[in-house]
Amino acid sequence: MTLSYFITGTDTGVGKTLISSALVMAFAAKGLKSVGMKPVAAGCELKDGRLISEDVASLLAASNIEAPIDQVNPYAFALAIAPHIAAENAGIEISLDNIVTAYHQLKQQADVVIVEGVGGFCVPLNAHADTADLAVQLNLPVIMVVAMRLGCINHAMLTVQAIESRGLNLVGWVANQLDPEMPVFEENLIALKQRINAPCIGLVPWQLDIAPATVSTLLNL
């Protein structure tokens, strides 16, 4: 049976790719065939005739199997904007069915699939569906990345409510310290642990250009 997890965050730019890549590496270190998936990526650059984002490149580097790029990243857009708008500008519509198909193709090749969402939990993907709908269709347990900065408690609890309202299982969360000067950091961390009904599986301290390999050693699988 393939282990799979959906990685979401309390906002965009909170470290989802860092944590997703670290999770891929942590499972690989246990001898499992582990691969990352970024269904939708924006802000991509053209390399060797294909649009690829730094996020996807990080997941590819962390994975210990070579999966087709079309399965790892079905949708890639040049502009670093909301994915549904990027898709409209490109003249296409993001299909959740296509993403689910690519996910199942990855499942056939790996013991572990780490699926990284785009932006926060409720970012629109097309005119009718958002990232939360994708998580529901994949029906995966969720790991939430919390950006530890002012306002994190409210953002985290709203995301938890959104996850639970979709009938999904939040199985863990990671505290990622983005602000090295965050006041009362420990008190905020305690407040989150008291309120989130899932274990904190990792605390990532602030560090400039911290690598996924380093973070992988900080996660409690």
N, C-alpha and C. Protein backbone atom coordinates (compact mmCIF):
# COMPACT_ATOMS: atom_id res chain seq x y z
N MET A 1 0.85 -1.20 0.00
CA MET A 1 0.00 0.00 0.00
C MET A 1 0.88 1.25 0.00
N THR A 2 0.55 2.18 -0.86
CA THR A 2 1.32 3.41 -0.96
C THR A 2 0.90 4.39 0.13
N LEU A 3 1.89 4.95 0.83
CA LEU A 3 1.64 6.03 1.78
C LEU A 3 1.58 7.34 1.01
N SER A 4 0.54 8.12 1.22
CA SER A 4 0.43 9.40 0.53
C SER A 4 -0.08 10.46 1.50
N TYR A 5 0.40 11.68 1.31
CA TYR A 5 -0.01 12.79 2.15
C TYR A 5 -0.19 14.03 1.30
N PHE A 6 -1.17 14.86 1.67
CA PHE A 6 -1.39 16.14 1.01
C PHE A 6 -0.84 17.23 1.91
N ILE A 7 0.07 18.04 1.38
CA ILE A 7 0.72 19.08 2.16
C ILE A 7 0.09 20.42 1.84
N THR A 8 -0.46 21.06 2.84
CA THR A 8 -1.03 22.40 2.67
C THR A 8 -0.36 23.35 3.64
N GLY A 9 -0.72 24.62 3.53
CA GLY A 9 -0.11 25.62 4.40
C GLY A 9 -1.10 26.68 4.80
N THR A 10 -0.71 27.50 5.75
CA THR A 10 -1.58 28.55 6.26
C THR A 10 -1.62 29.76 5.32
N ASP A 11 -0.77 29.75 4.30
CA ASP A 11 -0.75 30.83 3.31
C ASP A 11 0.20 30.41 2.21
N THR A 12 0.42 31.29 1.24
CA THR A 12 1.44 31.03 0.25
C THR A 12 2.80 31.47 0.81
N GLY A 13 3.86 30.86 0.35
CA GLY A 13 5.19 31.24 0.81
C GLY A 13 5.48 30.87 2.25
N VAL A 14 4.89 29.79 2.74
CA VAL A 14 5.08 29.41 4.15
C VAL A 14 6.08 28.26 4.31
N GLY A 15 6.59 27.75 3.20
CA GLY A 15 7.57 26.67 3.28
C GLY A 15 7.03 25.30 2.94
N LYS A 16 5.93 25.24 2.18
CA LYS A 16 5.37 23.94 1.82
C LYS A 16 6.36 23.09 1.03
N THR A 17 7.05 23.72 0.09
CA THR A 17 8.01 22.95 -0.73
C THR A 17 9.16 22.45 0.11
N LEU A 18 9.65 23.28 1.02
CA LEU A 18 10.73 22.87 1.91
C LEU A 18 10.31 21.64 2.71
N ILE A 19 9.13 21.69 3.30
CA ILE A 19 8.66 20.59 4.13
C ILE A 19 8.32 19.38 3.26
N SER A 20 7.70 19.60 2.11
CA SER A 20 7.37 18.48 1.22
C SER A 20 8.63 17.76 0.77
N SER A 21 9.64 18.52 0.36
CA SER A 21 10.90 17.92 -0.07
C SER A 21 11.56 17.18 1.08
N ALA A 22 11.50 17.76 2.27
CA ALA A 22 12.08 17.12 3.44
C ALA A 22 11.37 15.81 3.77
N LEU A 23 10.05 15.80 3.64
CA LEU A 23 9.29 14.57 3.88
C LEU A 23 9.67 13.49 2.87
N VAL A 24 9.79 13.87 1.60
CA VAL A 24 10.20 12.91 0.58
C VAL A 24 11.55 12.31 0.95
N MET A 25 12.49 13.15 1.38
CA MET A 25 13.83 12.67 1.73
C MET A 25 13.81 11.82 2.99
N ALA A 26 12.97 12.18 3.94
CA ALA A 26 12.89 11.43 5.19
C ALA A 26 12.37 10.01 4.95
N PHE A 27 11.35 9.89 4.11
CA PHE A 27 10.84 8.55 3.78
C PHE A 27 11.85 7.77 2.94
N ALA A 28 12.53 8.46 2.04
CA ALA A 28 13.56 7.80 1.24
C ALA A 28 14.68 7.26 2.12
N ALA A 29 15.00 8.01 3.17
CA ALA A 29 16.05 7.58 4.09
C ALA A 29 15.68 6.30 4.83
N LYS A 30 14.39 6.00 4.87
CA LYS A 30 13.92 4.76 5.49
C LYS A 30 13.88 3.60 4.49
N GLY A 31 14.40 3.85 3.30
CA GLY A 31 14.47 2.79 2.31
C GLY A 31 13.23 2.65 1.45
N LEU A 32 12.36 3.65 1.49
CA LEU A 32 11.12 3.61 0.71
C LEU A 32 11.29 4.37 -0.60
N LYS A 33 10.65 3.89 -1.63
CA LYS A 33 10.63 4.62 -2.90
C LYS A 33 9.70 5.82 -2.72
N SER A 34 10.27 7.01 -2.75
CA SER A 34 9.54 8.20 -2.35
C SER A 34 9.60 9.25 -3.46
N VAL A 35 8.46 9.87 -3.74
CA VAL A 35 8.39 10.86 -4.81
C VAL A 35 7.50 12.02 -4.39
N GLY A 36 7.85 13.20 -4.85
CA GLY A 36 7.04 14.37 -4.60
C GLY A 36 6.22 14.73 -5.82
N MET A 37 5.08 15.37 -5.58
CA MET A 37 4.19 15.79 -6.66
C MET A 37 3.73 17.22 -6.41
N LYS A 38 3.83 18.06 -7.42
CA LYS A 38 3.32 19.43 -7.36
C LYS A 38 2.32 19.57 -8.51
N PRO A 39 1.05 19.29 -8.27
CA PRO A 39 0.07 19.26 -9.36
C PRO A 39 0.02 20.55 -10.18
N VAL A 40 0.12 21.69 -9.49
CA VAL A 40 0.04 22.98 -10.17
C VAL A 40 1.18 23.86 -9.67
N ALA A 41 1.95 24.40 -10.60
CA ALA A 41 3.06 25.28 -10.23
C ALA A 41 3.00 26.56 -11.06
N ALA A 42 3.14 27.69 -10.40
CA ALA A 42 3.19 28.98 -11.09
C ALA A 42 4.55 29.63 -10.82
N GLY A 43 4.89 30.58 -11.65
CA GLY A 43 6.19 31.22 -11.53
C GLY A 43 7.30 30.35 -12.07
N CYS A 44 7.04 29.68 -13.19
CA CYS A 44 8.00 28.74 -13.78
C CYS A 44 8.89 29.45 -14.80
N GLU A 45 10.05 28.85 -15.03
CA GLU A 45 10.98 29.34 -16.04
C GLU A 45 11.16 28.27 -17.11
N LEU A 46 11.42 28.72 -18.31
CA LEU A 46 11.61 27.81 -19.44
C LEU A 46 13.02 27.22 -19.40
N LYS A 47 13.09 25.89 -19.27
CA LYS A 47 14.37 25.19 -19.24
C LYS A 47 14.27 23.97 -20.14
N ASP A 48 15.17 23.89 -21.11
CA ASP A 48 15.18 22.77 -22.06
C ASP A 48 13.82 22.60 -22.72
N GLY A 49 13.20 23.72 -23.03
CA GLY A 49 11.93 23.68 -23.74
C GLY A 49 10.70 23.40 -22.90
N ARG A 50 10.87 23.40 -21.57
CA ARG A 50 9.74 23.10 -20.69
C ARG A 50 9.71 24.07 -19.52
N LEU A 51 8.50 24.48 -19.14
CA LEU A 51 8.34 25.33 -17.97
C LEU A 51 8.53 24.50 -16.71
N ILE A 52 9.41 24.96 -15.82
CA ILE A 52 9.63 24.25 -14.57
C ILE A 52 9.87 25.26 -13.46
N SER A 53 9.32 24.99 -12.29
CA SER A 53 9.46 25.90 -11.15
C SER A 53 10.54 25.40 -10.20
N GLU A 54 11.01 26.29 -9.36
CA GLU A 54 11.98 25.90 -8.34
C GLU A 54 11.37 24.87 -7.39
N ASP A 55 10.07 24.99 -7.14
CA ASP A 55 9.40 24.03 -6.25
C ASP A 55 9.48 22.62 -6.83
N VAL A 56 9.16 22.50 -8.10
CA VAL A 56 9.19 21.18 -8.75
C VAL A 56 10.61 20.65 -8.80
N ALA A 57 11.57 21.53 -9.09
CA ALA A 57 12.98 21.11 -9.13
C ALA A 57 13.41 20.57 -7.76
N SER A 58 12.95 21.19 -6.69
CA SER A 58 13.29 20.73 -5.35
C SER A 58 12.70 19.36 -5.07
N LEU A 59 11.45 19.15 -5.47
CA LEU A 59 10.81 17.85 -5.27
C LEU A 59 11.48 16.75 -6.09
N LEU A 60 11.86 17.09 -7.32
CA LEU A 60 12.55 16.13 -8.16
C LEU A 60 13.90 15.73 -7.56
N ALA A 61 14.59 16.71 -7.01
CA ALA A 61 15.90 16.44 -6.40
C ALA A 61 15.76 15.58 -5.15
N ALA A 62 14.65 15.75 -4.43
CA ALA A 62 14.45 15.00 -3.19
C ALA A 62 14.01 13.57 -3.45
N SER A 63 13.30 13.33 -4.56
CA SER A 63 12.75 12.01 -4.85
C SER A 63 13.86 11.02 -5.19
N ASN A 64 13.65 9.78 -4.82
CA ASN A 64 14.65 8.75 -5.14
C ASN A 64 14.20 7.81 -6.25
N ILE A 65 13.14 8.22 -6.97
CA ILE A 65 12.76 7.53 -8.21
C ILE A 65 12.62 8.58 -9.30
N GLU A 66 12.80 8.18 -10.54
CA GLU A 66 12.67 9.09 -11.67
C GLU A 66 11.29 8.91 -12.30
N ALA A 67 10.40 9.82 -11.94
CA ALA A 67 9.04 9.77 -12.49
C ALA A 67 8.92 10.81 -13.61
N PRO A 68 8.07 10.56 -14.60
CA PRO A 68 7.87 11.53 -15.67
C PRO A 68 7.43 12.88 -15.13
N ILE A 69 7.99 13.94 -15.69
CA ILE A 69 7.69 15.28 -15.20
C ILE A 69 6.21 15.61 -15.35
N ASP A 70 5.55 15.06 -16.38
CA ASP A 70 4.12 15.32 -16.57
C ASP A 70 3.27 14.74 -15.45
N GLN A 71 3.78 13.74 -14.77
CA GLN A 71 3.06 13.17 -13.63
C GLN A 71 3.39 13.94 -12.35
N VAL A 72 4.62 14.35 -12.21
CA VAL A 72 5.03 15.12 -11.03
C VAL A 72 4.39 16.50 -11.04
N ASN A 73 4.31 17.11 -12.21
CA ASN A 73 3.79 18.48 -12.34
C ASN A 73 2.94 18.60 -13.60
N PRO A 74 1.67 18.20 -13.52
CA PRO A 74 0.79 18.25 -14.70
C PRO A 74 0.57 19.65 -15.26
N TYR A 75 0.56 20.68 -14.39
CA TYR A 75 0.28 22.03 -14.84
C TYR A 75 1.38 22.99 -14.38
N ALA A 76 2.00 23.67 -15.35
CA ALA A 76 3.07 24.63 -15.07
C ALA A 76 2.78 25.93 -15.80
N PHE A 77 2.92 27.05 -15.08
CA PHE A 77 2.62 28.36 -15.65
C PHE A 77 3.77 29.32 -15.39
N ALA A 78 4.00 30.22 -16.34
CA ALA A 78 5.13 31.13 -16.24
C ALA A 78 4.89 32.22 -15.19
N LEU A 79 3.68 32.76 -15.15
CA LEU A 79 3.42 33.88 -14.25
C LEU A 79 3.20 33.41 -12.82
N ALA A 80 3.81 34.11 -11.88
CA ALA A 80 3.66 33.79 -10.46
C ALA A 80 2.41 34.48 -9.92
N ILE A 81 1.26 33.99 -10.36
CA ILE A 81 -0.03 34.54 -9.96
C ILE A 81 -0.95 33.40 -9.57
N ALA A 82 -2.15 33.74 -9.13
CA ALA A 82 -3.13 32.72 -8.74
C ALA A 82 -3.30 31.72 -9.89
N PRO A 83 -3.31 30.42 -9.57
CA PRO A 83 -3.28 29.40 -10.63
C PRO A 83 -4.45 29.46 -11.60
N HIS A 84 -5.65 29.77 -11.12
CA HIS A 84 -6.78 29.80 -12.05
C HIS A 84 -6.65 30.96 -13.03
N ILE A 85 -6.04 32.07 -12.58
CA ILE A 85 -5.82 33.20 -13.48
C ILE A 85 -4.69 32.89 -14.46
N ALA A 86 -3.64 32.24 -13.95
CA ALA A 86 -2.54 31.83 -14.82
C ALA A 86 -3.02 30.88 -15.91
N ALA A 87 -3.92 29.98 -15.53
CA ALA A 87 -4.46 29.03 -16.50
C ALA A 87 -5.32 29.75 -17.54
N GLU A 88 -6.13 30.70 -17.10
CA GLU A 88 -6.95 31.48 -18.03
C GLU A 88 -6.07 32.22 -19.03
N ASN A 89 -4.99 32.82 -18.53
CA ASN A 89 -4.07 33.55 -19.41
C ASN A 89 -3.40 32.62 -20.41
N ALA A 90 -3.21 31.35 -20.02
CA ALA A 90 -2.59 30.38 -20.92
C ALA A 90 -3.61 29.71 -21.84
N GLY A 91 -4.89 30.03 -21.64
CA GLY A 91 -5.93 29.49 -22.50
C GLY A 91 -6.30 28.05 -22.21
N ILE A 92 -6.09 27.62 -20.95
CA ILE A 92 -6.45 26.25 -20.58
C ILE A 92 -7.23 26.27 -19.27
N GLU A 93 -7.80 25.13 -18.94
CA GLU A 93 -8.49 24.97 -17.66
C GLU A 93 -7.85 23.82 -16.90
N ILE A 94 -7.53 24.06 -15.66
CA ILE A 94 -6.95 23.01 -14.82
C ILE A 94 -8.02 21.96 -14.54
N SER A 95 -7.71 20.71 -14.84
CA SER A 95 -8.64 19.61 -14.64
C SER A 95 -8.22 18.78 -13.43
N LEU A 96 -9.10 18.69 -12.45
CA LEU A 96 -8.81 17.87 -11.28
C LEU A 96 -8.70 16.41 -11.67
N ASP A 97 -9.48 15.97 -12.64
CA ASP A 97 -9.42 14.58 -13.09
C ASP A 97 -8.02 14.25 -13.63
N ASN A 98 -7.44 15.17 -14.39
CA ASN A 98 -6.09 14.94 -14.92
C ASN A 98 -5.07 14.81 -13.80
N ILE A 99 -5.23 15.64 -12.77
CA ILE A 99 -4.31 15.59 -11.63
C ILE A 99 -4.45 14.27 -10.89
N VAL A 100 -5.68 13.85 -10.67
CA VAL A 100 -5.92 12.58 -9.97
C VAL A 100 -5.33 11.42 -10.76
N THR A 101 -5.47 11.45 -12.07
CA THR A 101 -4.89 10.40 -12.91
C THR A 101 -3.38 10.36 -12.77
N ALA A 102 -2.74 11.53 -12.80
CA ALA A 102 -1.29 11.60 -12.65
C ALA A 102 -0.86 11.08 -11.28
N TYR A 103 -1.63 11.41 -10.26
CA TYR A 103 -1.32 10.91 -8.91
C TYR A 103 -1.35 9.39 -8.86
N HIS A 104 -2.37 8.80 -9.44
CA HIS A 104 -2.47 7.33 -9.42
C HIS A 104 -1.34 6.69 -10.23
N GLN A 105 -0.88 7.36 -11.26
CA GLN A 105 0.26 6.86 -12.01
C GLN A 105 1.53 6.87 -11.14
N LEU A 106 1.68 7.91 -10.34
CA LEU A 106 2.83 7.97 -9.42
C LEU A 106 2.73 6.88 -8.35
N LYS A 107 1.50 6.64 -7.88
CA LYS A 107 1.30 5.61 -6.85
C LYS A 107 1.78 4.24 -7.31
N GLN A 108 1.67 3.99 -8.59
CA GLN A 108 2.08 2.68 -9.12
C GLN A 108 3.60 2.51 -9.11
N GLN A 109 4.32 3.61 -8.94
CA GLN A 109 5.77 3.56 -9.01
C GLN A 109 6.46 3.73 -7.66
N ALA A 110 5.73 4.19 -6.66
CA ALA A 110 6.37 4.61 -5.41
C ALA A 110 5.69 4.00 -4.19
N ASP A 111 6.45 3.95 -3.10
CA ASP A 111 5.90 3.55 -1.80
C ASP A 111 5.27 4.75 -1.10
N VAL A 112 5.79 5.94 -1.39
CA VAL A 112 5.32 7.17 -0.75
C VAL A 112 5.15 8.26 -1.81
N VAL A 113 4.00 8.93 -1.79
CA VAL A 113 3.77 10.08 -2.67
C VAL A 113 3.40 11.28 -1.79
N ILE A 114 4.19 12.33 -1.87
CA ILE A 114 3.94 13.56 -1.14
C ILE A 114 3.39 14.58 -2.12
N VAL A 115 2.13 14.96 -1.94
CA VAL A 115 1.46 15.88 -2.87
C VAL A 115 1.42 17.27 -2.25
N GLU A 116 2.11 18.20 -2.88
CA GLU A 116 2.14 19.57 -2.37
C GLU A 116 1.08 20.42 -3.04
N GLY A 117 0.24 21.04 -2.24
CA GLY A 117 -0.77 21.94 -2.77
C GLY A 117 -0.15 23.24 -3.27
N VAL A 118 -0.99 24.10 -3.79
CA VAL A 118 -0.52 25.40 -4.26
C VAL A 118 -1.15 26.49 -3.41
N GLY A 119 -0.32 27.42 -2.92
CA GLY A 119 -0.84 28.48 -2.06
C GLY A 119 -1.43 27.94 -0.77
N GLY A 120 -2.51 28.57 -0.31
CA GLY A 120 -3.19 28.09 0.88
C GLY A 120 -4.17 26.98 0.53
N PHE A 121 -5.02 26.60 1.48
CA PHE A 121 -5.87 25.43 1.32
C PHE A 121 -7.04 25.66 0.36
N CYS A 122 -7.48 26.91 0.23
CA CYS A 122 -8.69 27.18 -0.56
C CYS A 122 -8.41 28.02 -1.81
N VAL A 123 -7.23 27.90 -2.37
CA VAL A 123 -6.89 28.65 -3.58
C VAL A 123 -7.65 28.09 -4.77
N PRO A 124 -8.33 28.93 -5.56
CA PRO A 124 -9.07 28.44 -6.74
C PRO A 124 -8.13 27.82 -7.77
N LEU A 125 -8.62 26.73 -8.38
CA LEU A 125 -7.88 26.09 -9.47
C LEU A 125 -8.57 26.31 -10.81
N ASN A 126 -9.88 26.44 -10.78
CA ASN A 126 -10.64 26.80 -11.97
C ASN A 126 -11.91 27.51 -11.50
N ALA A 127 -12.85 27.70 -12.39
CA ALA A 127 -14.05 28.47 -12.04
C ALA A 127 -14.94 27.75 -11.03
N HIS A 128 -14.73 26.45 -10.86
CA HIS A 128 -15.65 25.66 -10.03
C HIS A 128 -14.98 24.96 -8.85
N ALA A 129 -13.67 24.80 -8.89
CA ALA A 129 -13.00 23.98 -7.87
C ALA A 129 -11.76 24.69 -7.33
N ASP A 130 -11.40 24.33 -6.10
CA ASP A 130 -10.21 24.89 -5.48
C ASP A 130 -9.30 23.78 -4.96
N THR A 131 -8.23 24.18 -4.31
CA THR A 131 -7.26 23.21 -3.82
C THR A 131 -7.88 22.27 -2.81
N ALA A 132 -8.81 22.77 -2.01
CA ALA A 132 -9.51 21.90 -1.06
C ALA A 132 -10.28 20.80 -1.78
N ASP A 133 -10.91 21.15 -2.90
CA ASP A 133 -11.62 20.13 -3.69
C ASP A 133 -10.66 19.07 -4.21
N LEU A 134 -9.47 19.49 -4.60
CA LEU A 134 -8.46 18.53 -5.06
C LEU A 134 -8.08 17.58 -3.93
N ALA A 135 -7.87 18.13 -2.74
CA ALA A 135 -7.52 17.29 -1.59
C ALA A 135 -8.61 16.27 -1.31
N VAL A 136 -9.87 16.70 -1.47
CA VAL A 136 -10.99 15.79 -1.26
C VAL A 136 -11.00 14.69 -2.31
N GLN A 137 -10.78 15.06 -3.57
CA GLN A 137 -10.78 14.05 -4.63
C GLN A 137 -9.65 13.04 -4.44
N LEU A 138 -8.50 13.52 -4.01
CA LEU A 138 -7.38 12.61 -3.74
C LEU A 138 -7.63 11.79 -2.47
N ASN A 139 -8.42 12.36 -1.54
CA ASN A 139 -8.79 11.70 -0.30
C ASN A 139 -7.56 11.28 0.50
N LEU A 140 -6.66 12.24 0.70
CA LEU A 140 -5.42 11.95 1.41
C LEU A 140 -5.41 12.59 2.79
N PRO A 141 -4.72 11.97 3.74
CA PRO A 141 -4.49 12.64 5.01
C PRO A 141 -3.65 13.90 4.77
N VAL A 142 -3.89 14.91 5.60
CA VAL A 142 -3.29 16.22 5.37
C VAL A 142 -2.24 16.53 6.42
N ILE A 143 -1.14 17.13 5.97
CA ILE A 143 -0.12 17.70 6.85
C ILE A 143 -0.09 19.20 6.57
N MET A 144 -0.19 20.00 7.62
CA MET A 144 -0.27 21.45 7.47
C MET A 144 1.04 22.11 7.90
N VAL A 145 1.51 23.05 7.08
CA VAL A 145 2.68 23.84 7.41
C VAL A 145 2.21 25.18 7.95
N VAL A 146 2.64 25.49 9.16
CA VAL A 146 2.24 26.75 9.81
C VAL A 146 3.41 27.72 9.76
N ALA A 147 3.18 28.88 9.17
CA ALA A 147 4.20 29.92 9.16
C ALA A 147 4.22 30.60 10.51
N MET A 148 5.28 30.39 11.27
CA MET A 148 5.38 30.96 12.62
C MET A 148 5.79 32.42 12.53
N ARG A 149 4.76 33.27 12.55
CA ARG A 149 4.94 34.71 12.54
C ARG A 149 3.68 35.32 13.13
N LEU A 150 3.67 36.62 13.32
CA LEU A 150 2.52 37.27 13.90
C LEU A 150 1.26 36.95 13.10
N GLY A 151 0.22 36.49 13.79
CA GLY A 151 -1.04 36.11 13.15
C GLY A 151 -1.16 34.64 12.87
N CYS A 152 -0.13 33.85 13.24
CA CYS A 152 -0.12 32.43 12.88
C CYS A 152 -1.24 31.63 13.54
N ILE A 153 -1.64 32.01 14.73
CA ILE A 153 -2.67 31.22 15.42
C ILE A 153 -4.00 31.31 14.66
N ASN A 154 -4.40 32.51 14.29
CA ASN A 154 -5.64 32.68 13.54
C ASN A 154 -5.57 31.97 12.20
N HIS A 155 -4.48 32.14 11.48
CA HIS A 155 -4.34 31.51 10.17
C HIS A 155 -4.37 29.98 10.29
N ALA A 156 -3.71 29.48 11.30
CA ALA A 156 -3.67 28.02 11.49
C ALA A 156 -5.05 27.47 11.83
N MET A 157 -5.76 28.11 12.74
CA MET A 157 -7.05 27.59 13.16
C MET A 157 -8.09 27.69 12.04
N LEU A 158 -8.03 28.74 11.23
CA LEU A 158 -8.93 28.83 10.09
C LEU A 158 -8.64 27.72 9.08
N THR A 159 -7.37 27.42 8.88
CA THR A 159 -7.01 26.34 7.95
C THR A 159 -7.45 25.00 8.50
N VAL A 160 -7.28 24.78 9.79
CA VAL A 160 -7.75 23.54 10.41
C VAL A 160 -9.25 23.38 10.22
N GLN A 161 -10.01 24.45 10.45
CA GLN A 161 -11.46 24.38 10.26
C GLN A 161 -11.81 24.04 8.82
N ALA A 162 -11.09 24.63 7.88
CA ALA A 162 -11.36 24.36 6.46
C ALA A 162 -11.07 22.90 6.12
N ILE A 163 -9.98 22.37 6.64
CA ILE A 163 -9.63 20.97 6.40
C ILE A 163 -10.69 20.04 6.97
N GLU A 164 -11.06 20.28 8.21
CA GLU A 164 -12.03 19.41 8.88
C GLU A 164 -13.42 19.54 8.25
N SER A 165 -13.77 20.72 7.76
CA SER A 165 -15.09 20.91 7.15
C SER A 165 -15.25 20.12 5.86
N ARG A 166 -14.12 19.75 5.24
CA ARG A 166 -14.15 18.94 4.03
C ARG A 166 -14.09 17.44 4.34
N GLY A 167 -14.12 17.11 5.61
CA GLY A 167 -14.11 15.70 6.00
C GLY A 167 -12.75 15.04 5.87
N LEU A 168 -11.70 15.84 5.82
CA LEU A 168 -10.35 15.30 5.68
C LEU A 168 -9.69 15.15 7.04
N ASN A 169 -8.68 14.30 7.09
CA ASN A 169 -8.00 13.97 8.34
C ASN A 169 -6.68 14.72 8.42
N LEU A 170 -6.60 15.68 9.33
CA LEU A 170 -5.33 16.37 9.60
C LEU A 170 -4.51 15.49 10.52
N VAL A 171 -3.43 14.93 9.99
CA VAL A 171 -2.65 13.94 10.75
C VAL A 171 -1.41 14.54 11.39
N GLY A 172 -1.06 15.78 11.04
CA GLY A 172 0.10 16.40 11.64
C GLY A 172 0.32 17.79 11.10
N TRP A 173 1.17 18.54 11.79
CA TRP A 173 1.50 19.89 11.32
C TRP A 173 2.95 20.20 11.68
N VAL A 174 3.51 21.12 10.91
CA VAL A 174 4.91 21.52 11.09
C VAL A 174 4.96 23.01 11.37
N ALA A 175 5.68 23.39 12.41
CA ALA A 175 5.88 24.80 12.73
C ALA A 175 7.15 25.27 12.03
N ASN A 176 7.00 26.20 11.09
CA ASN A 176 8.13 26.71 10.33
C ASN A 176 8.38 28.17 10.71
N GLN A 177 9.47 28.42 11.40
CA GLN A 177 9.75 29.76 11.91
C GLN A 177 10.28 30.65 10.78
N LEU A 178 9.41 31.52 10.27
CA LEU A 178 9.80 32.41 9.18
C LEU A 178 10.32 33.75 9.68
N ASP A 179 9.93 34.11 10.87
CA ASP A 179 10.36 35.40 11.43
C ASP A 179 11.31 35.15 12.60
N PRO A 180 12.61 35.42 12.42
CA PRO A 180 13.57 35.13 13.49
C PRO A 180 13.37 36.01 14.72
N GLU A 181 12.62 37.10 14.56
CA GLU A 181 12.39 38.01 15.68
C GLU A 181 10.94 37.98 16.13
N MET A 182 10.25 36.90 15.85
CA MET A 182 8.85 36.79 16.26
C MET A 182 8.74 36.90 17.78
N PRO A 183 7.95 37.85 18.27
CA PRO A 183 7.80 37.97 19.73
C PRO A 183 7.02 36.79 20.30
N VAL A 184 7.32 36.43 21.52
CA VAL A 184 6.68 35.34 22.27
C VAL A 184 6.48 34.09 21.40
N PHE A 185 7.52 33.69 20.73
CA PHE A 185 7.45 32.52 19.85
C PHE A 185 6.98 31.29 20.59
N GLU A 186 7.58 31.00 21.73
CA GLU A 186 7.25 29.78 22.47
C GLU A 186 5.79 29.79 22.91
N GLU A 187 5.29 30.95 23.33
CA GLU A 187 3.91 31.04 23.76
C GLU A 187 2.95 30.75 22.60
N ASN A 188 3.29 31.24 21.41
CA ASN A 188 2.48 30.96 20.24
C ASN A 188 2.51 29.47 19.90
N LEU A 189 3.69 28.87 20.01
CA LEU A 189 3.82 27.45 19.72
C LEU A 189 2.98 26.62 20.69
N ILE A 190 3.02 26.98 21.96
CA ILE A 190 2.23 26.27 22.97
C ILE A 190 0.74 26.42 22.68
N ALA A 191 0.32 27.63 22.32
CA ALA A 191 -1.09 27.88 22.02
C ALA A 191 -1.57 27.02 20.85
N LEU A 192 -0.72 26.87 19.83
CA LEU A 192 -1.08 26.05 18.68
C LEU A 192 -1.17 24.58 19.08
N LYS A 193 -0.22 24.10 19.87
CA LYS A 193 -0.23 22.70 20.29
C LYS A 193 -1.48 22.40 21.12
N GLN A 194 -1.93 23.37 21.89
CA GLN A 194 -3.12 23.17 22.72
C GLN A 194 -4.40 23.14 21.89
N ARG A 195 -4.39 23.80 20.75
CA ARG A 195 -5.62 23.99 19.98
C ARG A 195 -5.76 23.10 18.75
N ILE A 196 -4.64 22.62 18.23
CA ILE A 196 -4.70 21.78 17.03
C ILE A 196 -4.75 20.31 17.46
N ASN A 197 -5.81 19.63 17.04
CA ASN A 197 -6.01 18.24 17.44
C ASN A 197 -5.25 17.29 16.50
N ALA A 198 -3.96 17.54 16.42
CA ALA A 198 -3.06 16.70 15.62
C ALA A 198 -1.65 16.99 16.13
N PRO A 199 -0.75 16.04 16.04
CA PRO A 199 0.59 16.23 16.59
C PRO A 199 1.43 17.19 15.76
N CYS A 200 2.27 17.94 16.44
CA CYS A 200 3.29 18.73 15.77
C CYS A 200 4.43 17.78 15.44
N ILE A 201 4.66 17.52 14.15
CA ILE A 201 5.65 16.53 13.75
C ILE A 201 7.01 17.14 13.46
N GLY A 202 7.12 18.46 13.65
CA GLY A 202 8.42 19.08 13.42
C GLY A 202 8.41 20.57 13.71
N LEU A 203 9.54 21.05 14.23
CA LEU A 203 9.75 22.48 14.44
C LEU A 203 10.99 22.86 13.65
N VAL A 204 10.80 23.71 12.67
CA VAL A 204 11.91 24.14 11.82
C VAL A 204 12.34 25.54 12.26
N PRO A 205 13.48 25.66 12.91
CA PRO A 205 13.94 26.97 13.37
C PRO A 205 14.36 27.84 12.20
N TRP A 206 14.30 29.14 12.41
CA TRP A 206 14.70 30.05 11.34
C TRP A 206 16.17 29.86 11.01
N GLN A 207 16.42 29.75 9.73
CA GLN A 207 17.80 29.65 9.25
C GLN A 207 17.81 30.07 7.80
N LEU A 208 18.70 30.96 7.44
CA LEU A 208 18.77 31.44 6.06
C LEU A 208 19.15 30.29 5.13
N ASP A 209 18.34 30.09 4.09
CA ASP A 209 18.61 29.06 3.07
C ASP A 209 18.76 27.66 3.67
N ILE A 210 17.87 27.32 4.59
CA ILE A 210 17.91 25.98 5.18
C ILE A 210 17.55 24.95 4.11
N ALA A 211 18.23 23.81 4.13
CA ALA A 211 18.08 22.81 3.08
C ALA A 211 17.09 21.73 3.49
N PRO A 212 16.39 21.13 2.51
CA PRO A 212 15.46 20.03 2.82
C PRO A 212 16.14 18.88 3.55
N ALA A 213 17.39 18.59 3.20
CA ALA A 213 18.11 17.49 3.86
C ALA A 213 18.24 17.75 5.35
N THR A 214 18.46 19.00 5.73
CA THR A 214 18.55 19.36 7.15
C THR A 214 17.19 19.23 7.82
N VAL A 215 16.17 19.72 7.15
CA VAL A 215 14.81 19.68 7.72
C VAL A 215 14.34 18.24 7.87
N SER A 216 14.75 17.38 6.96
CA SER A 216 14.29 15.98 7.02
C SER A 216 14.67 15.31 8.32
N THR A 217 15.76 15.75 8.92
CA THR A 217 16.21 15.16 10.20
C THR A 217 15.42 15.72 11.38
N LEU A 218 14.63 16.77 11.16
CA LEU A 218 13.88 17.40 12.23
C LEU A 218 12.43 16.92 12.30
N LEU A 219 12.05 16.07 11.34
CA LEU A 219 10.65 15.62 11.26
C LEU A 219 10.47 14.27 11.94
N ASN A 220 9.38 14.16 12.69
CA ASN A 220 9.04 12.93 13.38
C ASN A 220 7.97 12.20 12.58
N LEU A 221 8.41 11.20 11.81
CA LEU A 221 7.47 10.47 10.95
C LEU A 221 6.65 9.47 11.73
